[in-house]
C-alpha atoms as a PDB file:
ATOM      1  CA  MET A   1     143.561 156.007 156.938  1.00  0.00           C
ATOM      2  CA  ASP A   2     140.841 158.349 157.965  1.00  0.00           C
ATOM      3  CA  VAL A   3     140.106 160.804 155.357  1.00  0.00           C
ATOM      4  CA  SER A   4     137.293 162.790 157.389  1.00  0.00           C
ATOM      5  CA  ILE A   5     137.819 166.386 157.478  1.00  0.00           C
ATOM      6  CA  GLN A   6     136.404 166.860 161.208  1.00  0.00           C
ATOM      7  CA  PRO A   7     138.484 169.407 162.990  1.00  0.00           C
ATOM      8  CA  ALA A   8     141.501 167.408 164.955  1.00  0.00           C
ATOM      9  CA  LYS A   9     140.655 170.108 167.453  1.00  0.00           C
ATOM     10  CA  PRO A  10     137.196 171.403 167.511  1.00  0.00           C
ATOM     11  CA  MET A  11     137.800 174.280 169.912  1.00  0.00           C
ATOM     12  CA  GLY A  12     140.549 175.551 167.106  1.00  0.00           C
ATOM     13  CA  LEU A  13     138.239 175.793 164.207  1.00  0.00           C
ATOM     14  CA  ASP A  14     137.007 179.121 165.646  1.00  0.00           C
ATOM     15  CA  SER A  15     140.502 180.456 165.347  1.00  0.00           C
ATOM     16  CA  LEU A  16     140.867 180.122 161.368  1.00  0.00           C
ATOM     17  CA  SER A  17     139.878 182.833 159.034  1.00  0.00           C
ATOM     18  CA  VAL A  18     138.301 182.564 156.023  1.00  0.00           C
ATOM     19  CA  CYS A  19     141.359 183.491 154.381  1.00  0.00           C
ATOM     20  CA  GLU A  20     143.554 181.114 155.841  1.00  0.00           C
ATOM     21  CA  ILE A  21     141.027 178.506 154.939  1.00  0.00           C
ATOM     22  CA  ARG A  22     140.588 179.905 151.351  1.00  0.00           C
ATOM     23  CA  SER A  23     144.622 180.118 151.063  1.00  0.00           C
ATOM     24  CA  ALA A  24     144.610 176.338 151.658  1.00  0.00           C
ATOM     25  CA  VAL A  25     141.911 175.693 149.147  1.00  0.00           C
ATOM     26  CA  ILE A  26     143.764 177.563 146.627  1.00  0.00           C
ATOM     27  CA  ALA A  27     147.147 175.656 147.609  1.00  0.00           C
ATOM     28  CA  ILE A  28     145.648 172.299 147.000  1.00  0.00           C
ATOM     29  CA  LYS A  29     143.963 173.137 143.580  1.00  0.00           C
ATOM     30  CA  ARG A  30     147.091 174.796 142.441  1.00  0.00           C
ATOM     31  CA  CYS A  31     149.345 171.765 143.756  1.00  0.00           C
ATOM     32  CA  GLU A  32     147.344 169.229 141.587  1.00  0.00           C
ATOM     33  CA  VAL A  33     148.126 171.172 138.328  1.00  0.00           C
ATOM     34  CA  GLY A  34     151.897 171.225 139.122  1.00  0.00           C
ATOM     35  CA  LYS A  35     152.728 174.519 140.981  1.00  0.00           C
ATOM     36  CA  THR A  36     154.914 174.914 143.799  1.00  0.00           C
ATOM     37  CA  PHE A  37     154.654 176.689 147.125  1.00  0.00           C
ATOM     38  CA  SER A  38     156.182 179.873 146.144  1.00  0.00           C
ATOM     39  CA  GLU A  39     154.346 180.347 142.697  1.00  0.00           C
ATOM     40  CA  ILE A  40     151.173 179.672 144.566  1.00  0.00           C
ATOM     41  CA  ALA A  41     152.375 182.163 146.966  1.00  0.00           C
ATOM     42  CA  ASP A  42     152.989 184.603 143.948  1.00  0.00           C
ATOM     43  CA  ASP A  43     149.768 183.969 142.803  1.00  0.00           C
ATOM     44  CA  LEU A  44     148.136 184.398 145.808  1.00  0.00           C
ATOM     45  CA  ASP A  45     150.405 187.705 145.768  1.00  0.00           C
ATOM     46  CA  ILE A  46     151.620 187.029 149.520  1.00  0.00           C
ATOM     47  CA  PRO A  47     155.171 186.079 150.755  1.00  0.00           C
ATOM     48  CA  PRO A  48     155.989 182.072 150.717  1.00  0.00           C
ATOM     49  CA  THR A  49     156.317 182.220 154.583  1.00  0.00           C
ATOM     50  CA  THR A  50     152.767 183.822 155.060  1.00  0.00           C
ATOM     51  CA  LEU A  51     151.371 180.976 152.794  1.00  0.00           C
ATOM     52  CA  SER A  52     153.351 178.356 155.018  1.00  0.00           C
ATOM     53  CA  SER A  53     151.866 179.955 158.319  1.00  0.00           C
ATOM     54  CA  ARG A  54     148.120 179.784 156.883  1.00  0.00           C
ATOM     55  CA  ILE A  55     148.361 176.491 155.628  1.00  0.00           C
ATOM     56  CA  SER A  56     149.845 175.508 159.556  1.00  0.00           C
ATOM     57  CA  ARG A  57     147.130 176.873 161.027  1.00  0.00           C
ATOM     58  CA  VAL A  58     144.782 175.058 159.049  1.00  0.00           C
ATOM     59  CA  GLU A  59     146.756 171.906 159.289  1.00  0.00           C
ATOM     60  CA  ALA A  60     146.773 172.676 162.953  1.00  0.00           C
ATOM     61  CA  VAL A  61     142.885 172.163 162.926  1.00  0.00           C
ATOM     62  CA  PHE A  62     142.072 169.552 160.302  1.00  0.00           C
ATOM     63  CA  GLY A  63     145.360 167.550 159.931  1.00  0.00           C
ATOM     64  CA  THR A  64     147.649 166.926 157.841  1.00  0.00           C
ATOM     65  CA  LEU A  65     146.560 168.255 154.020  1.00  0.00           C
ATOM     66  CA  PHE A  66     150.013 167.962 152.241  1.00  0.00           C
ATOM     67  CA  ILE A  67     152.558 165.578 152.132  1.00  0.00           C
ATOM     68  CA  CYS A  68     155.300 165.849 154.191  1.00  0.00           C
ATOM     69  CA  GLY A  69     158.796 164.914 152.550  1.00  0.00           C
ATOM     70  CA  SER A  70     162.162 164.621 154.530  1.00  0.00           C
ATOM     71  CA  GLY A  71     162.774 166.794 157.849  1.00  0.00           C
ATOM     72  CA  GLY A  72     158.942 167.378 157.710  1.00  0.00           C
ATOM     73  CA  ARG A  73     159.006 169.697 155.047  1.00  0.00           C
ATOM     74  CA  ARG A  74     155.650 170.322 153.020  1.00  0.00           C
ATOM     75  CA  ILE A  75     155.609 169.165 149.315  1.00  0.00           C
ATOM     76  CA  ALA A  76     153.438 170.611 146.845  1.00  0.00           C
ATOM     77  CA  ALA A  77     151.194 167.424 146.667  1.00  0.00           C
ATOM     78  CA  SER A  78     148.034 166.942 148.656  1.00  0.00           C
ATOM     79  CA  THR A  79     146.596 164.023 150.785  1.00  0.00           C
ATOM     80  CA  LYS A  80     143.566 162.346 150.484  1.00  0.00           C
ATOM     81  CA  ARG A  81     142.308 164.242 153.443  1.00  0.00           C
ATOM     82  CA  GLY A  82     143.393 167.429 151.315  1.00  0.00           C
ATOM     83  CA  LYS A  83     141.236 166.936 148.799  1.00  0.00           C
ATOM     84  CA  ARG A  84     138.670 165.827 150.574  1.00  0.00           C
ATOM     85  CA  PHE A  85     139.041 169.459 152.735  1.00  0.00           C
ATOM     86  CA  GLU A  86     139.485 170.900 149.346  1.00  0.00           C
ATOM     87  CA  THR A  87     136.072 169.824 148.072  1.00  0.00           C
ATOM     88  CA  THR A  88     134.211 170.494 151.285  1.00  0.00           C
ATOM     89  CA  MET A  89     135.785 173.761 151.991  1.00  0.00           C
ATOM     90  CA  ASN A  90     134.955 174.997 148.183  1.00  0.00           C
ATOM     91  CA  THR A  91     131.259 174.057 149.049  1.00  0.00           C
ATOM     92  CA  ALA A  92     131.581 176.279 152.076  1.00  0.00           C
ATOM     93  CA  LEU A  93     133.189 178.939 150.384  1.00  0.00           C
ATOM     94  CA  GLY A  94     130.896 179.155 147.975  1.00  0.00           C
ATOM     95  CA  THR A  95     128.065 179.274 150.683  1.00  0.00           C
ATOM     96  CA  ILE A  96     129.953 182.191 152.223  1.00  0.00           C
ATOM     97  CA  ALA A  97     130.185 183.827 149.163  1.00  0.00           C
ATOM     98  CA  ARG A  98     126.528 183.446 148.354  1.00  0.00           C
ATOM     99  CA  LEU A  99     125.886 185.021 151.509  1.00  0.00           C
ATOM    100  CA  ALA A 100     128.020 187.814 151.019  1.00  0.00           C
ATOM    101  CA  ARG A 101     126.232 188.755 147.877  1.00  0.00           C
ATOM    102  CA  SER A 102     122.526 188.402 149.537  1.00  0.00           C
ATOM    103  CA  GLU A 103     124.014 190.800 152.448  1.00  0.00           C
ATOM    104  CA  ALA A 104     125.499 193.364 149.618  1.00  0.00           C
ATOM    105  CA  ASP A 105     121.519 192.824 148.235  1.00  0.00           C
ATOM    106  CA  THR A 106     120.259 193.545 151.441  1.00  0.00           C
ATOM    107  CA  ASP A 107     122.428 196.642 151.756  1.00  0.00           C
ATOM    108  CA  GLU A 108     121.440 197.565 148.365  1.00  0.00           C
ATOM    109  CA  ILE A 109     117.590 197.595 149.222  1.00  0.00           C
ATOM    110  CA  SER A 110     118.712 199.407 152.385  1.00  0.00           C
ATOM    111  CA  THR A 111     120.454 202.128 149.936  1.00  0.00           C
ATOM    112  CA  THR A 112     117.309 201.841 147.647  1.00  0.00           C
ATOM    113  CA  GLU A 113     114.828 202.606 150.552  1.00  0.00           C
ATOM    114  CA  ASN A 114     117.484 205.546 151.751  1.00  0.00           C
ATOM    115  CA  ILE A 115     117.124 206.786 148.363  1.00  0.00           C
ATOM    116  CA  GLU A 116     113.351 206.847 148.424  1.00  0.00           C
ATOM    117  CA  ALA A 117     113.588 208.568 151.793  1.00  0.00           C
ATOM    118  CA  VAL A 118     115.557 211.567 150.237  1.00  0.00           C
ATOM    119  CA  ARG A 119     113.318 211.450 147.103  1.00  0.00           C
ATOM    120  CA  ASN A 120     110.402 212.239 149.699  1.00  0.00           C
ATOM    121  CA  THR A 121     112.129 214.862 151.640  1.00  0.00           C
ATOM    122  CA  LEU A 122     113.333 216.656 148.380  1.00  0.00           C
ATOM    123  CA  LYS A 123     109.392 216.458 147.100  1.00  0.00           C
ATOM    124  CA  GLN A 124     108.442 218.077 150.931  1.00  0.00           C
ATOM    125  CA  ARG A 125     110.742 220.785 150.588  1.00  0.00           C
ATOM    126  CA  ARG A 126     109.795 221.622 146.975  1.00  0.00           C
ATOM    127  CA  ARG A 127     106.065 221.595 148.286  1.00  0.00           C
ATOM    128  CA  ASP A 128     107.057 223.670 151.313  1.00  0.00           C
ATOM    129  CA  ARG A 129     109.046 226.309 149.021  1.00  0.00           C
ATOM    130  CA  LYS A 130     106.103 226.642 146.772  1.00  0.00           C
ATOM    131  CA  ARG A 131     103.644 226.717 149.725  1.00  0.00           C
ATOM    132  CA  ASP A 132     106.364 229.640 151.088  1.00  0.00           C
ATOM    133  CA  ALA A 133     106.433 231.301 147.712  1.00  0.00           C
ATOM    134  CA  GLU A 134     102.524 231.430 147.764  1.00  0.00           C
ATOM    135  CA  SER A 135     102.335 232.870 151.090  1.00  0.00           C
ATOM    136  CA  ALA A 136     105.027 235.677 149.947  1.00  0.00           C
ATOM    137  CA  ARG A 137     102.924 236.617 147.390  1.00  0.00           C
ATOM    138  CA  VAL A 138      99.530 236.385 149.317  1.00  0.00           C
ATOM    139  CA  ARG A 139     101.447 238.581 151.657  1.00  0.00           C
ATOM    140  CA  ALA A 140     102.630 241.129 148.710  1.00  0.00           C
ATOM    141  CA  LEU A 141      99.059 241.312 147.173  1.00  0.00           C
ATOM    142  CA  TRP A 142      97.429 241.838 150.337  1.00  0.00           C
ATOM    143  CA  GLU A 143     100.226 244.720 151.404  1.00  0.00           C
ATOM    144  CA  ALA A 144      99.627 245.970 147.931  1.00  0.00           C
ATOM    145  CA  VAL A 145      96.208 247.092 148.929  1.00  0.00           C
ATOM    146  CA  PRO A 146      95.904 250.541 150.776  1.00  0.00           C
ATOM    147  CA  GLU A 147      95.556 250.208 154.362  1.00  0.00           C
ATOM    148  CA  ASN A 148      92.376 251.634 154.772  1.00  0.00           C
ATOM    149  CA  GLU A 149      90.643 249.351 152.214  1.00  0.00           C
ATOM    150  CA  ARG A 150      92.374 246.309 153.230  1.00  0.00           C
ATOM    151  CA  PRO A 151      90.202 243.435 154.509  1.00  0.00           C
ATOM    152  CA  SER A 152      91.031 242.212 157.841  1.00  0.00           C
ATOM    153  CA  ALA A 153      92.696 239.382 156.134  1.00  0.00           C
ATOM    154  CA  PRO A 154      93.761 237.816 152.687  1.00  0.00           C
ATOM    155  CA  THR A 155      90.548 237.040 150.352  1.00  0.00           C
ATOM    156  CA  PRO A 156      90.712 233.939 148.591  1.00  0.00           C
ATOM    157  CA  GLN A 157      90.720 236.007 145.391  1.00  0.00           C
ATOM    158  CA  MET A 158      94.303 236.909 146.562  1.00  0.00           C
ATOM    159  CA  TYR A 159      95.096 233.136 147.165  1.00  0.00           C
ATOM    160  CA  GLU A 160      93.647 232.422 144.085  1.00  0.00           C
ATOM    161  CA  ALA A 161      96.097 235.040 142.265  1.00  0.00           C
ATOM    162  CA  ALA A 162      98.908 233.993 144.475  1.00  0.00           C
ATOM    163  CA  ARG A 163      98.619 230.390 143.218  1.00  0.00           C
ATOM    164  CA  HIS A 164      98.550 231.639 139.389  1.00  0.00           C
ATOM    165  CA  PRO A 165     100.419 234.685 139.232  1.00  0.00           C
ATOM    166  CA  LYS A 166     100.888 235.052 135.722  1.00  0.00           C
ATOM    167  CA  THR A 167      96.885 235.057 135.263  1.00  0.00           C
ATOM    168  CA  LYS A 168      96.103 237.282 138.326  1.00  0.00           C
ATOM    169  CA  GLY A 169      94.158 234.790 139.692  1.00  0.00           C
ATOM    170  CA  ARG A 170      91.999 234.028 136.446  1.00  0.00           C
ATOM    171  CA  LYS A 171      92.371 230.352 134.946  1.00  0.00           C
ATOM    172  CA  ARG A 172      92.762 230.429 131.091  1.00  0.00           C
END
């Protein structure tokens, strides 16, 4: 008896979702502890018909995973192929989960980079506001000088006074 888990229909593998494979793996695991398909469907929070159709799709690709009873009805017991499928797919699903976590880490790094960009933007805005406020103070100092005594441009002393408005340009 062939217990290989090679797809019976290689082209059909592309049509399976991770959810369908995961449902079949969980069903095989839970069958081993004596659960029925209805109990397994309840555990997965899906109707028994959905579980049945997912298993049918997986079996159409990988072959019979569950023992068939009279009238072709599935019994909640896995075949050797089903046990091998469960072991192999557990490894594959673990790899997919690690890739998903890795992708989430990449998103987090991307988010961290975005946060850094926002911080830099805020720093630049703060510097711009400080510069604008300083310019406004220089303009106010320059305009405070009577027009006939006003220099042609603000003096370095005005800029210094604007930088240190509380000390009027003198550092203490």
